[in-house]
Amino acid sequence: MPATIAPELLAETKDGVLTLTLNRPEVLNALTMGMMKGISDALKKAAADKDVKVVVLTAAGRAFCAGADLGDLKKRQSAAAFSLGDELRQHFNPLIAAIRRLEKPVIGAINGLAAGAG
């Protein structure tokens, strides 16, 4: 049975394959900060786990990912110093870099829509 990393992110390791599943199908798996942190943390663990040979990133429902959760970003915008550029540099770019740095194959099992940062 998959483990919950963050409320909206599932992880399962079987036969050397770590499968990370975005699990917010009701909003087309739009990414929250918590989901991005969960993915990043899972990749760090996978890098150190000799039993993990490959990572598969997939999603539940009819879409892979609609990109950033705009509601989540809007909550963060209320801060006086909010900058979309800073958000990208601090949260999205490091996640992409972590995927690229992982010295194991990362497969995107894309089902349906993939948009924005998805």
PDB file of N, CA and C in Angstrom:
ATOM      1  N   MET A   1       0.848  -1.186   0.000  1.00  0.00           N
ATOM      2  CA  MET A   1       0.000   0.000   0.000  1.00  0.00           C
ATOM      3  C   MET A   1       0.890   1.244   0.000  1.00  0.00           C
ATOM      4  N   PRO A   2       0.584   2.234  -0.824  1.00  0.00           N
ATOM      5  CA  PRO A   2       1.397   3.448  -0.870  1.00  0.00           C
ATOM      6  C   PRO A   2       1.376   4.195   0.458  1.00  0.00           C
ATOM      7  N   ALA A   3       2.503   4.812   0.780  1.00  0.00           N
ATOM      8  CA  ALA A   3       2.601   5.651   1.975  1.00  0.00           C
ATOM      9  C   ALA A   3       2.291   7.088   1.593  1.00  0.00           C
ATOM     10  N   THR A   4       1.792   7.843   2.546  1.00  0.00           N
ATOM     11  CA  THR A   4       1.535   9.257   2.307  1.00  0.00           C
ATOM     12  C   THR A   4       2.766  10.040   2.727  1.00  0.00           C
ATOM     13  N   ILE A   5       3.348  10.802   1.805  1.00  0.00           N
ATOM     14  CA  ILE A   5       4.491  11.655   2.117  1.00  0.00           C
ATOM     15  C   ILE A   5       3.977  12.993   2.615  1.00  0.00           C
ATOM     16  N   ALA A   6       3.102  13.571   1.858  1.00  0.00           N
ATOM     17  CA  ALA A   6       2.385  14.792   2.218  1.00  0.00           C
ATOM     18  C   ALA A   6       0.925  14.428   1.988  1.00  0.00           C
ATOM     19  N   PRO A   7      -0.012  15.207   2.495  1.00  0.00           N
ATOM     20  CA  PRO A   7      -1.415  14.816   2.325  1.00  0.00           C
ATOM     21  C   PRO A   7      -1.813  14.508   0.879  1.00  0.00           C
ATOM     22  N   GLU A   8      -1.133  15.107  -0.077  1.00  0.00           N
ATOM     23  CA  GLU A   8      -1.526  14.929  -1.478  1.00  0.00           C
ATOM     24  C   GLU A   8      -0.457  14.236  -2.323  1.00  0.00           C
ATOM     25  N   LEU A   9       0.443  13.498  -1.674  1.00  0.00           N
ATOM     26  CA  LEU A   9       1.516  12.827  -2.399  1.00  0.00           C
ATOM     27  C   LEU A   9       1.705  11.427  -1.830  1.00  0.00           C
ATOM     28  N   LEU A  10       1.643  10.430  -2.709  1.00  0.00           N
ATOM     29  CA  LEU A  10       1.799   9.038  -2.299  1.00  0.00           C
ATOM     30  C   LEU A  10       3.132   8.507  -2.799  1.00  0.00           C
ATOM     31  N   ALA A  11       3.708   7.568  -2.057  1.00  0.00           N
ATOM     32  CA  ALA A  11       4.966   6.944  -2.463  1.00  0.00           C
ATOM     33  C   ALA A  11       4.872   5.446  -2.230  1.00  0.00           C
ATOM     34  N   GLU A  12       5.409   4.696  -3.178  1.00  0.00           N
ATOM     35  CA  GLU A  12       5.448   3.244  -3.039  1.00  0.00           C
ATOM     36  C   GLU A  12       6.728   2.742  -3.684  1.00  0.00           C
ATOM     37  N   THR A  13       7.456   1.904  -2.957  1.00  0.00           N
ATOM     38  CA  THR A  13       8.659   1.290  -3.508  1.00  0.00           C
ATOM     39  C   THR A  13       8.397  -0.198  -3.666  1.00  0.00           C
ATOM     40  N   LYS A  14       8.633  -0.668  -4.883  1.00  0.00           N
ATOM     41  CA  LYS A  14       8.417  -2.084  -5.180  1.00  0.00           C
ATOM     42  C   LYS A  14       9.386  -2.499  -6.281  1.00  0.00           C
ATOM     43  N   ASP A  15      10.118  -3.569  -6.048  1.00  0.00           N
ATOM     44  CA  ASP A  15      11.047  -4.113  -7.041  1.00  0.00           C
ATOM     45  C   ASP A  15      12.014  -3.059  -7.564  1.00  0.00           C
ATOM     46  N   GLY A  16      12.517  -2.209  -6.684  1.00  0.00           N
ATOM     47  CA  GLY A  16      13.503  -1.209  -7.077  1.00  0.00           C
ATOM     48  C   GLY A  16      12.935   0.048  -7.702  1.00  0.00           C
ATOM     49  N   VAL A  17      11.611   0.135  -7.794  1.00  0.00           N
ATOM     50  CA  VAL A  17      10.965   1.295  -8.418  1.00  0.00           C
ATOM     51  C   VAL A  17      10.246   2.108  -7.343  1.00  0.00           C
ATOM     52  N   LEU A  18      10.638   3.358  -7.194  1.00  0.00           N
ATOM     53  CA  LEU A  18       9.924   4.283  -6.319  1.00  0.00           C
ATOM     54  C   LEU A  18       8.911   5.020  -7.180  1.00  0.00           C
ATOM     55  N   THR A  19       7.635   4.827  -6.881  1.00  0.00           N
ATOM     56  CA  THR A  19       6.575   5.517  -7.612  1.00  0.00           C
ATOM     57  C   THR A  19       6.020   6.620  -6.728  1.00  0.00           C
ATOM     58  N   LEU A  20       6.115   7.859  -7.215  1.00  0.00           N
ATOM     59  CA  LEU A  20       5.543   9.019  -6.538  1.00  0.00           C
ATOM     60  C   LEU A  20       4.286   9.404  -7.301  1.00  0.00           C
ATOM     61  N   THR A  21       3.166   9.484  -6.600  1.00  0.00           N
ATOM     62  CA  THR A  21       1.884   9.773  -7.240  1.00  0.00           C
ATOM     63  C   THR A  21       1.299  11.063  -6.696  1.00  0.00           C
ATOM     64  N   LEU A  22       1.133  12.043  -7.582  1.00  0.00           N
ATOM     65  CA  LEU A  22       0.417  13.265  -7.221  1.00  0.00           C
ATOM     66  C   LEU A  22      -1.032  12.855  -7.005  1.00  0.00           C
ATOM     67  N   ASN A  23      -1.620  13.242  -5.878  1.00  0.00           N
ATOM     68  CA  ASN A  23      -2.930  12.702  -5.529  1.00  0.00           C
ATOM     69  C   ASN A  23      -3.931  13.804  -5.170  1.00  0.00           C
ATOM     70  N   ARG A  24      -4.130  14.725  -6.107  1.00  0.00           N
ATOM     71  CA  ARG A  24      -5.160  15.762  -5.963  1.00  0.00           C
ATOM     72  C   ARG A  24      -5.981  15.801  -7.251  1.00  0.00           C
ATOM     73  N   PRO A  25      -6.595  14.689  -7.620  1.00  0.00           N
ATOM     74  CA  PRO A  25      -7.287  14.647  -8.906  1.00  0.00           C
ATOM     75  C   PRO A  25      -8.423  15.654  -9.021  1.00  0.00           C
ATOM     76  N   GLU A  26      -9.009  16.061  -7.902  1.00  0.00           N
ATOM     77  CA  GLU A  26     -10.130  17.005  -7.937  1.00  0.00           C
ATOM     78  C   GLU A  26      -9.717  18.391  -8.432  1.00  0.00           C
ATOM     79  N   VAL A  27      -8.411  18.701  -8.379  1.00  0.00           N
ATOM     80  CA  VAL A  27      -7.903  19.981  -8.898  1.00  0.00           C
ATOM     81  C   VAL A  27      -6.806  19.724  -9.935  1.00  0.00           C
ATOM     82  N   LEU A  28      -6.954  18.608 -10.641  1.00  0.00           N
ATOM     83  CA  LEU A  28      -6.021  18.224 -11.709  1.00  0.00           C
ATOM     84  C   LEU A  28      -4.576  18.176 -11.221  1.00  0.00           C
ATOM     85  N   ASN A  29      -4.406  17.777  -9.950  1.00  0.00           N
ATOM     86  CA  ASN A  29      -3.085  17.588  -9.345  1.00  0.00           C
ATOM     87  C   ASN A  29      -2.230  18.852  -9.336  1.00  0.00           C
ATOM     88  N   ALA A  30      -2.872  19.999  -9.184  1.00  0.00           N
ATOM     89  CA  ALA A  30      -2.132  21.260  -9.072  1.00  0.00           C
ATOM     90  C   ALA A  30      -1.167  21.165  -7.891  1.00  0.00           C
ATOM     91  N   LEU A  31       0.068  21.617  -8.114  1.00  0.00           N
ATOM     92  CA  LEU A  31       1.132  21.484  -7.117  1.00  0.00           C
ATOM     93  C   LEU A  31       1.040  22.536  -6.020  1.00  0.00           C
ATOM     94  N   THR A  32       1.112  22.065  -4.772  1.00  0.00           N
ATOM     95  CA  THR A  32       1.231  22.958  -3.623  1.00  0.00           C
ATOM     96  C   THR A  32       2.690  22.959  -3.172  1.00  0.00           C
ATOM     97  N   MET A  33       3.033  23.900  -2.307  1.00  0.00           N
ATOM     98  CA  MET A  33       4.385  23.930  -1.754  1.00  0.00           C
ATOM     99  C   MET A  33       4.673  22.626  -1.002  1.00  0.00           C
ATOM    100  N   GLY A  34       3.676  22.111  -0.282  1.00  0.00           N
ATOM    101  CA  GLY A  34       3.856  20.861   0.452  1.00  0.00           C
ATOM    102  C   GLY A  34       4.162  19.687  -0.458  1.00  0.00           C
ATOM    103  N   MET A  35       3.496  19.640  -1.601  1.00  0.00           N
ATOM    104  CA  MET A  35       3.754  18.562  -2.557  1.00  0.00           C
ATOM    105  C   MET A  35       5.166  18.669  -3.120  1.00  0.00           C
ATOM    106  N   MET A  36       5.589  19.886  -3.448  1.00  0.00           N
ATOM    107  CA  MET A  36       6.938  20.059  -3.995  1.00  0.00           C
ATOM    108  C   MET A  36       7.995  19.671  -2.972  1.00  0.00           C
ATOM    109  N   LYS A  37       7.779  20.042  -1.714  1.00  0.00           N
ATOM    110  CA  LYS A  37       8.716  19.653  -0.660  1.00  0.00           C
ATOM    111  C   LYS A  37       8.725  18.139  -0.509  1.00  0.00           C
ATOM    112  N   GLY A  38       7.552  17.515  -0.555  1.00  0.00           N
ATOM    113  CA  GLY A  38       7.473  16.065  -0.448  1.00  0.00           C
ATOM    114  C   GLY A  38       8.213  15.355  -1.567  1.00  0.00           C
ATOM    115  N   ILE A  39       8.065  15.846  -2.787  1.00  0.00           N
ATOM    116  CA  ILE A  39       8.777  15.254  -3.927  1.00  0.00           C
ATOM    117  C   ILE A  39      10.277  15.418  -3.736  1.00  0.00           C
ATOM    118  N   SER A  40      10.691  16.614  -3.368  1.00  0.00           N
ATOM    119  CA  SER A  40      12.113  16.889  -3.158  1.00  0.00           C
ATOM    120  C   SER A  40      12.696  15.987  -2.069  1.00  0.00           C
ATOM    121  N   ASP A  41      11.992  15.856  -0.950  1.00  0.00           N
ATOM    122  CA  ASP A  41      12.456  14.990   0.138  1.00  0.00           C
ATOM    123  C   ASP A  41      12.534  13.534  -0.314  1.00  0.00           C
ATOM    124  N   ALA A  42      11.546  13.082  -1.075  1.00  0.00           N
ATOM    125  CA  ALA A  42      11.538  11.702  -1.567  1.00  0.00           C
ATOM    126  C   ALA A  42      12.711  11.449  -2.508  1.00  0.00           C
ATOM    127  N   LEU A  43      13.050  12.439  -3.330  1.00  0.00           N
ATOM    128  CA  LEU A  43      14.187  12.290  -4.241  1.00  0.00           C
ATOM    129  C   LEU A  43      15.497  12.199  -3.469  1.00  0.00           C
ATOM    130  N   LYS A  44      15.627  12.975  -2.401  1.00  0.00           N
ATOM    131  CA  LYS A  44      16.836  12.901  -1.565  1.00  0.00           C
ATOM    132  C   LYS A  44      16.973  11.514  -0.951  1.00  0.00           C
ATOM    133  N   LYS A  45      15.865  10.980  -0.446  1.00  0.00           N
ATOM    134  CA  LYS A  45      15.898   9.633   0.131  1.00  0.00           C
ATOM    135  C   LYS A  45      16.218   8.595  -0.936  1.00  0.00           C
ATOM    136  N   ALA A  46      15.647   8.753  -2.120  1.00  0.00           N
ATOM    137  CA  ALA A  46      15.901   7.812  -3.216  1.00  0.00           C
ATOM    138  C   ALA A  46      17.373   7.825  -3.612  1.00  0.00           C
ATOM    139  N   ALA A  47      17.980   9.003  -3.594  1.00  0.00           N
ATOM    140  CA  ALA A  47      19.393   9.117  -3.955  1.00  0.00           C
ATOM    141  C   ALA A  47      20.266   8.303  -3.002  1.00  0.00           C
ATOM    142  N   ALA A  48      19.882   8.259  -1.738  1.00  0.00           N
ATOM    143  CA  ALA A  48      20.672   7.562  -0.727  1.00  0.00           C
ATOM    144  C   ALA A  48      20.293   6.089  -0.576  1.00  0.00           C
ATOM    145  N   ASP A  49      19.214   5.660  -1.175  1.00  0.00           N
ATOM    146  CA  ASP A  49      18.709   4.295  -1.024  1.00  0.00           C
ATOM    147  C   ASP A  49      19.191   3.423  -2.176  1.00  0.00           C
ATOM    148  N   LYS A  50      20.134   2.527  -1.873  1.00  0.00           N
ATOM    149  CA  LYS A  50      20.694   1.681  -2.935  1.00  0.00           C
ATOM    150  C   LYS A  50      19.673   0.714  -3.527  1.00  0.00           C
ATOM    151  N   ASP A  51      18.580   0.472  -2.807  1.00  0.00           N
ATOM    152  CA  ASP A  51      17.544  -0.427  -3.319  1.00  0.00           C
ATOM    153  C   ASP A  51      16.637   0.239  -4.348  1.00  0.00           C
ATOM    154  N   VAL A  52      16.621   1.568  -4.377  1.00  0.00           N
ATOM    155  CA  VAL A  52      15.824   2.291  -5.380  1.00  0.00           C
ATOM    156  C   VAL A  52      16.679   2.443  -6.632  1.00  0.00           C
ATOM    157  N   LYS A  53      16.206   1.887  -7.730  1.00  0.00           N
ATOM    158  CA  LYS A  53      16.944   1.933  -8.999  1.00  0.00           C
ATOM    159  C   LYS A  53      16.384   2.962  -9.966  1.00  0.00           C
ATOM    160  N   VAL A  54      15.088   3.276  -9.831  1.00  0.00           N
ATOM    161  CA  VAL A  54      14.423   4.205 -10.746  1.00  0.00           C
ATOM    162  C   VAL A  54      13.267   4.872 -10.002  1.00  0.00           C
ATOM    163  N   VAL A  55      12.953   6.105 -10.402  1.00  0.00           N
ATOM    164  CA  VAL A  55      11.827   6.842  -9.829  1.00  0.00           C
ATOM    165  C   VAL A  55      10.813   7.098 -10.939  1.00  0.00           C
ATOM    166  N   VAL A  56       9.551   6.819 -10.649  1.00  0.00           N
ATOM    167  CA  VAL A  56       8.461   7.117 -11.579  1.00  0.00           C
ATOM    168  C   VAL A  56       7.591   8.180 -10.928  1.00  0.00           C
ATOM    169  N   LEU A  57       7.369   9.268 -11.640  1.00  0.00           N
ATOM    170  CA  LEU A  57       6.487  10.334 -11.168  1.00  0.00           C
ATOM    171  C   LEU A  57       5.220  10.280 -12.002  1.00  0.00           C
ATOM    172  N   THR A  58       4.089  10.052 -11.337  1.00  0.00           N
ATOM    173  CA  THR A  58       2.810   9.929 -12.021  1.00  0.00           C
ATOM    174  C   THR A  58       1.740  10.657 -11.223  1.00  0.00           C
ATOM    175  N   ALA A  59       0.497  10.495 -11.628  1.00  0.00           N
ATOM    176  CA  ALA A  59      -0.585  11.209 -10.950  1.00  0.00           C
ATOM    177  C   ALA A  59      -1.875  10.414 -11.001  1.00  0.00           C
ATOM    178  N   ALA A  60      -2.734  10.691 -10.047  1.00  0.00           N
ATOM    179  CA  ALA A  60      -4.056  10.069  -9.985  1.00  0.00           C
ATOM    180  C   ALA A  60      -5.040  10.885 -10.816  1.00  0.00           C
ATOM    181  N   GLY A  61      -6.031  10.210 -11.362  1.00  0.00           N
ATOM    182  CA  GLY A  61      -7.097  10.918 -12.064  1.00  0.00           C
ATOM    183  C   GLY A  61      -6.822  11.151 -13.534  1.00  0.00           C
ATOM    184  N   ARG A  62      -7.552  12.103 -14.103  1.00  0.00           N
ATOM    185  CA  ARG A  62      -7.540  12.327 -15.554  1.00  0.00           C
ATOM    186  C   ARG A  62      -6.475  13.301 -16.036  1.00  0.00           C
ATOM    187  N   ALA A  63      -5.681  13.852 -15.122  1.00  0.00           N
ATOM    188  CA  ALA A  63      -4.630  14.795 -15.511  1.00  0.00           C
ATOM    189  C   ALA A  63      -3.353  14.486 -14.748  1.00  0.00           C
ATOM    190  N   PHE A  64      -2.229  14.768 -15.387  1.00  0.00           N
ATOM    191  CA  PHE A  64      -0.958  14.621 -14.685  1.00  0.00           C
ATOM    192  C   PHE A  64      -0.783  15.782 -13.715  1.00  0.00           C
ATOM    193  N   CYS A  65      -0.792  17.007 -14.227  1.00  0.00           N
ATOM    194  CA  CYS A  65      -0.607  18.167 -13.354  1.00  0.00           C
ATOM    195  C   CYS A  65      -0.998  19.441 -14.085  1.00  0.00           C
ATOM    196  N   ALA A  66      -1.785  20.264 -13.419  1.00  0.00           N
ATOM    197  CA  ALA A  66      -2.220  21.547 -13.984  1.00  0.00           C
ATOM    198  C   ALA A  66      -1.236  22.667 -13.673  1.00  0.00           C
ATOM    199  N   GLY A  67      -0.079  22.334 -13.110  1.00  0.00           N
ATOM    200  CA  GLY A  67       0.905  23.354 -12.753  1.00  0.00           C
ATOM    201  C   GLY A  67       0.754  23.757 -11.299  1.00  0.00           C
ATOM    202  N   ALA A  68       1.142  24.971 -11.006  1.00  0.00           N
ATOM    203  CA  ALA A  68       1.091  25.461  -9.625  1.00  0.00           C
ATOM    204  C   ALA A  68      -0.347  25.632  -9.166  1.00  0.00           C
ATOM    205  N   ASP A  69      -0.588  25.355  -7.901  1.00  0.00           N
ATOM    206  CA  ASP A  69      -1.897  25.604  -7.300  1.00  0.00           C
ATOM    207  C   ASP A  69      -2.008  27.111  -7.077  1.00  0.00           C
ATOM    208  N   LEU A  70      -2.811  27.762  -7.881  1.00  0.00           N
ATOM    209  CA  LEU A  70      -2.921  29.222  -7.813  1.00  0.00           C
ATOM    210  C   LEU A  70      -3.507  29.685  -6.485  1.00  0.00           C
ATOM    211  N   GLY A  71      -4.373  28.879  -5.881  1.00  0.00           N
ATOM    212  CA  GLY A  71      -4.905  29.215  -4.564  1.00  0.00           C
ATOM    213  C   GLY A  71      -3.809  29.223  -3.510  1.00  0.00           C
ATOM    214  N   ASP A  72      -2.906  28.244  -3.610  1.00  0.00           N
ATOM    215  CA  ASP A  72      -1.768  28.172  -2.695  1.00  0.00           C
ATOM    216  C   ASP A  72      -0.869  29.391  -2.889  1.00  0.00           C
ATOM    217  N   LEU A  73      -0.616  29.755  -4.147  1.00  0.00           N
ATOM    218  CA  LEU A  73       0.201  30.944  -4.424  1.00  0.00           C
ATOM    219  C   LEU A  73      -0.484  32.211  -3.936  1.00  0.00           C
ATOM    220  N   LYS A  74      -1.799  32.272  -4.100  1.00  0.00           N
ATOM    221  CA  LYS A  74      -2.535  33.468  -3.679  1.00  0.00           C
ATOM    222  C   LYS A  74      -2.401  33.685  -2.173  1.00  0.00           C
ATOM    223  N   LYS A  75      -2.455  32.601  -1.400  1.00  0.00           N
ATOM    224  CA  LYS A  75      -2.260  32.712   0.050  1.00  0.00           C
ATOM    225  C   LYS A  75      -0.898  33.324   0.351  1.00  0.00           C
ATOM    226  N   ARG A  76       0.096  32.918  -0.410  1.00  0.00           N
ATOM    227  CA  ARG A  76       1.457  33.410  -0.189  1.00  0.00           C
ATOM    228  C   ARG A  76       1.609  34.846  -0.679  1.00  0.00           C
ATOM    229  N   GLN A  77       0.792  35.257  -1.645  1.00  0.00           N
ATOM    230  CA  GLN A  77       0.871  36.618  -2.180  1.00  0.00           C
ATOM    231  C   GLN A  77       0.478  37.667  -1.163  1.00  0.00           C
ATOM    232  N   SER A  78      -0.278  37.288  -0.156  1.00  0.00           N
ATOM    233  CA  SER A  78      -0.709  38.270   0.829  1.00  0.00           C
ATOM    234  C   SER A  78       0.474  38.826   1.619  1.00  0.00           C
ATOM    235  N   ALA A  79       1.586  38.128   1.592  1.00  0.00           N
ATOM    236  CA  ALA A  79       2.784  38.650   2.247  1.00  0.00           C
ATOM    237  C   ALA A  79       3.275  39.868   1.473  1.00  0.00           C
ATOM    238  N   ALA A  80       3.697  40.878   2.184  1.00  0.00           N
ATOM    239  CA  ALA A  80       4.089  42.152   1.568  1.00  0.00           C
ATOM    240  C   ALA A  80       5.228  41.990   0.563  1.00  0.00           C
ATOM    241  N   ALA A  81       6.111  41.047   0.811  1.00  0.00           N
ATOM    242  CA  ALA A  81       7.300  40.921  -0.036  1.00  0.00           C
ATOM    243  C   ALA A  81       7.166  39.821  -1.088  1.00  0.00           C
ATOM    244  N   PHE A  82       5.955  39.420  -1.445  1.00  0.00           N
ATOM    245  CA  PHE A  82       5.763  38.335  -2.406  1.00  0.00           C
ATOM    246  C   PHE A  82       6.304  38.715  -3.777  1.00  0.00           C
ATOM    247  N   SER A  83       7.006  37.780  -4.394  1.00  0.00           N
ATOM    248  CA  SER A  83       7.515  37.953  -5.753  1.00  0.00           C
ATOM    249  C   SER A  83       7.394  36.611  -6.467  1.00  0.00           C
ATOM    250  N   LEU A  84       6.695  36.588  -7.601  1.00  0.00           N
ATOM    251  CA  LEU A  84       6.559  35.347  -8.351  1.00  0.00           C
ATOM    252  C   LEU A  84       7.926  34.821  -8.768  1.00  0.00           C
ATOM    253  N   GLY A  85       8.809  35.714  -9.176  1.00  0.00           N
ATOM    254  CA  GLY A  85      10.166  35.297  -9.544  1.00  0.00           C
ATOM    255  C   GLY A  85      10.874  34.610  -8.392  1.00  0.00           C
ATOM    256  N   ASP A  86      10.732  35.178  -7.189  1.00  0.00           N
ATOM    257  CA  ASP A  86      11.339  34.550  -6.015  1.00  0.00           C
ATOM    258  C   ASP A  86      10.723  33.183  -5.746  1.00  0.00           C
ATOM    259  N   GLU A  87       9.402  33.072  -5.908  1.00  0.00           N
ATOM    260  CA  GLU A  87       8.734  31.780  -5.705  1.00  0.00           C
ATOM    261  C   GLU A  87       9.305  30.731  -6.659  1.00  0.00           C
ATOM    262  N   LEU A  88       9.467  31.104  -7.913  1.00  0.00           N
ATOM    263  CA  LEU A  88      10.021  30.167  -8.895  1.00  0.00           C
ATOM    264  C   LEU A  88      11.436  29.768  -8.517  1.00  0.00           C
ATOM    265  N   ARG A  89      12.264  30.758  -8.176  1.00  0.00           N
ATOM    266  CA  ARG A  89      13.657  30.473  -7.819  1.00  0.00           C
ATOM    267  C   ARG A  89      13.766  29.641  -6.545  1.00  0.00           C
ATOM    268  N   GLN A  90      12.914  29.892  -5.575  1.00  0.00           N
ATOM    269  CA  GLN A  90      13.033  29.225  -4.278  1.00  0.00           C
ATOM    270  C   GLN A  90      12.343  27.870  -4.215  1.00  0.00           C
ATOM    271  N   HIS A  91      11.322  27.642  -5.030  1.00  0.00           N
ATOM    272  CA  HIS A  91      10.550  26.410  -4.889  1.00  0.00           C
ATOM    273  C   HIS A  91      10.512  25.549  -6.151  1.00  0.00           C
ATOM    274  N   PHE A  92      10.173  26.124  -7.285  1.00  0.00           N
ATOM    275  CA  PHE A  92      10.048  25.332  -8.512  1.00  0.00           C
ATOM    276  C   PHE A  92      11.413  24.945  -9.079  1.00  0.00           C
ATOM    277  N   ASN A  93      12.303  25.908  -9.224  1.00  0.00           N
ATOM    278  CA  ASN A  93      13.608  25.624  -9.817  1.00  0.00           C
ATOM    279  C   ASN A  93      14.397  24.577  -9.030  1.00  0.00           C
ATOM    280  N   PRO A  94      14.432  24.646  -7.675  1.00  0.00           N
ATOM    281  CA  PRO A  94      15.155  23.606  -6.941  1.00  0.00           C
ATOM    282  C   PRO A  94      14.574  22.204  -7.148  1.00  0.00           C
ATOM    283  N   LEU A  95      13.265  22.105  -7.302  1.00  0.00           N
ATOM    284  CA  LEU A  95      12.660  20.795  -7.544  1.00  0.00           C
ATOM    285  C   LEU A  95      13.097  20.244  -8.900  1.00  0.00           C
ATOM    286  N   ILE A  96      13.075  21.079  -9.907  1.00  0.00           N
ATOM    287  CA  ILE A  96      13.524  20.651 -11.237  1.00  0.00           C
ATOM    288  C   ILE A  96      14.997  20.259 -11.189  1.00  0.00           C
ATOM    289  N   ALA A  97      15.802  21.046 -10.484  1.00  0.00           N
ATOM    290  CA  ALA A  97      17.230  20.737 -10.351  1.00  0.00           C
ATOM    291  C   ALA A  97      17.433  19.409  -9.619  1.00  0.00           C
ATOM    292  N   ALA A  98      16.631  19.137  -8.599  1.00  0.00           N
ATOM    293  CA  ALA A  98      16.755  17.878  -7.854  1.00  0.00           C
ATOM    294  C   ALA A  98      16.454  16.678  -8.749  1.00  0.00           C
ATOM    295  N   ILE A  99      15.460  16.817  -9.605  1.00  0.00           N
ATOM    296  CA  ILE A  99      15.139  15.739 -10.550  1.00  0.00           C
ATOM    297  C   ILE A  99      16.308  15.521 -11.504  1.00  0.00           C
ATOM    298  N   ARG A 100      16.876  16.596 -11.999  1.00  0.00           N
ATOM    299  CA  ARG A 100      17.983  16.485 -12.964  1.00  0.00           C
ATOM    300  C   ARG A 100      19.255  15.944 -12.318  1.00  0.00           C
ATOM    301  N   ARG A 101      19.476  16.277 -11.045  1.00  0.00           N
ATOM    302  CA  ARG A 101      20.692  15.845 -10.339  1.00  0.00           C
ATOM    303  C   ARG A 101      20.655  14.382  -9.930  1.00  0.00           C
ATOM    304  N   LEU A 102      19.472  13.825  -9.775  1.00  0.00           N
ATOM    305  CA  LEU A 102      19.362  12.450  -9.298  1.00  0.00           C
ATOM    306  C   LEU A 102      20.098  11.519 -10.259  1.00  0.00           C
ATOM    307  N   GLU A 103      21.001  10.733  -9.725  1.00  0.00           N
ATOM    308  CA  GLU A 103      21.807   9.845 -10.562  1.00  0.00           C
ATOM    309  C   GLU A 103      21.110   8.506 -10.803  1.00  0.00           C
ATOM    310  N   LYS A 104      19.799   8.582 -10.895  1.00  0.00           N
ATOM    311  CA  LYS A 104      18.974   7.420 -11.216  1.00  0.00           C
ATOM    312  C   LYS A 104      17.948   7.905 -12.231  1.00  0.00           C
ATOM    313  N   PRO A 105      17.473   7.024 -13.091  1.00  0.00           N
ATOM    314  CA  PRO A 105      16.463   7.465 -14.061  1.00  0.00           C
ATOM    315  C   PRO A 105      15.195   7.959 -13.357  1.00  0.00           C
ATOM    316  N   VAL A 106      14.632   9.032 -13.883  1.00  0.00           N
ATOM    317  CA  VAL A 106      13.343   9.544 -13.421  1.00  0.00           C
ATOM    318  C   VAL A 106      12.413   9.520 -14.627  1.00  0.00           C
ATOM    319  N   ILE A 107      11.328   8.780 -14.502  1.00  0.00           N
ATOM    320  CA  ILE A 107      10.376   8.620 -15.597  1.00  0.00           C
ATOM    321  C   ILE A 107       9.107   9.383 -15.255  1.00  0.00           C
ATOM    322  N   GLY A 108       8.673  10.219 -16.162  1.00  0.00           N
ATOM    323  CA  GLY A 108       7.392  10.901 -16.010  1.00  0.00           C
ATOM    324  C   GLY A 108       6.328  10.072 -16.698  1.00  0.00           C
ATOM    325  N   ALA A 109       5.466   9.432 -15.918  1.00  0.00           N
ATOM    326  CA  ALA A 109       4.362   8.642 -16.473  1.00  0.00           C
ATOM    327  C   ALA A 109       3.173   9.590 -16.592  1.00  0.00           C
ATOM    328  N   ILE A 110       3.126  10.301 -17.708  1.00  0.00           N
ATOM    329  CA  ILE A 110       2.173  11.390 -17.912  1.00  0.00           C
ATOM    330  C   ILE A 110       0.835  10.830 -18.380  1.00  0.00           C
ATOM    331  N   ASN A 111      -0.190  11.143 -17.625  1.00  0.00           N
ATOM    332  CA  ASN A 111      -1.550  10.738 -17.984  1.00  0.00           C
ATOM    333  C   ASN A 111      -2.385  11.997 -18.157  1.00  0.00           C
ATOM    334  N   GLY A 112      -2.822  12.269 -19.338  1.00  0.00           N
ATOM    335  CA  GLY A 112      -3.676  13.433 -19.568  1.00  0.00           C
ATOM    336  C   GLY A 112      -2.923  14.746 -19.557  1.00  0.00           C
ATOM    337  N   LEU A 113      -3.613  15.784 -19.122  1.00  0.00           N
ATOM    338  CA  LEU A 113      -3.131  17.153 -19.133  1.00  0.00           C
ATOM    339  C   LEU A 113      -1.840  17.332 -18.338  1.00  0.00           C
ATOM    340  N   ALA A 114      -0.919  18.095 -18.889  1.00  0.00           N
ATOM    341  CA  ALA A 114       0.288  18.531 -18.175  1.00  0.00           C
ATOM    342  C   ALA A 114       0.521  19.971 -18.602  1.00  0.00           C
ATOM    343  N   ALA A 115       0.412  20.894 -17.662  1.00  0.00           N
ATOM    344  CA  ALA A 115       0.485  22.317 -18.005  1.00  0.00           C
ATOM    345  C   ALA A 115       1.311  23.083 -16.989  1.00  0.00           C
ATOM    346  N   GLY A 116       1.717  24.281 -17.362  1.00  0.00           N
ATOM    347  CA  GLY A 116       2.453  25.143 -16.439  1.00  0.00           C
ATOM    348  C   GLY A 116       3.706  24.464 -15.935  1.00  0.00           C
ATOM    349  N   ALA A 117       3.909  24.498 -14.647  1.00  0.00           N
ATOM    350  CA  ALA A 117       5.072  23.847 -14.043  1.00  0.00           C
ATOM    351  C   ALA A 117       4.853  22.346 -13.906  1.00  0.00           C
ATOM    352  N   GLY A 118       3.713  21.853 -14.364  1.00  0.00           N
ATOM    353  CA  GLY A 118       3.419  20.413 -14.299  1.00  0.00           C
ATOM    354  C   GLY A 118       4.098  19.706 -15.424  1.00  0.00           C
TER     355      GLY A 118
END
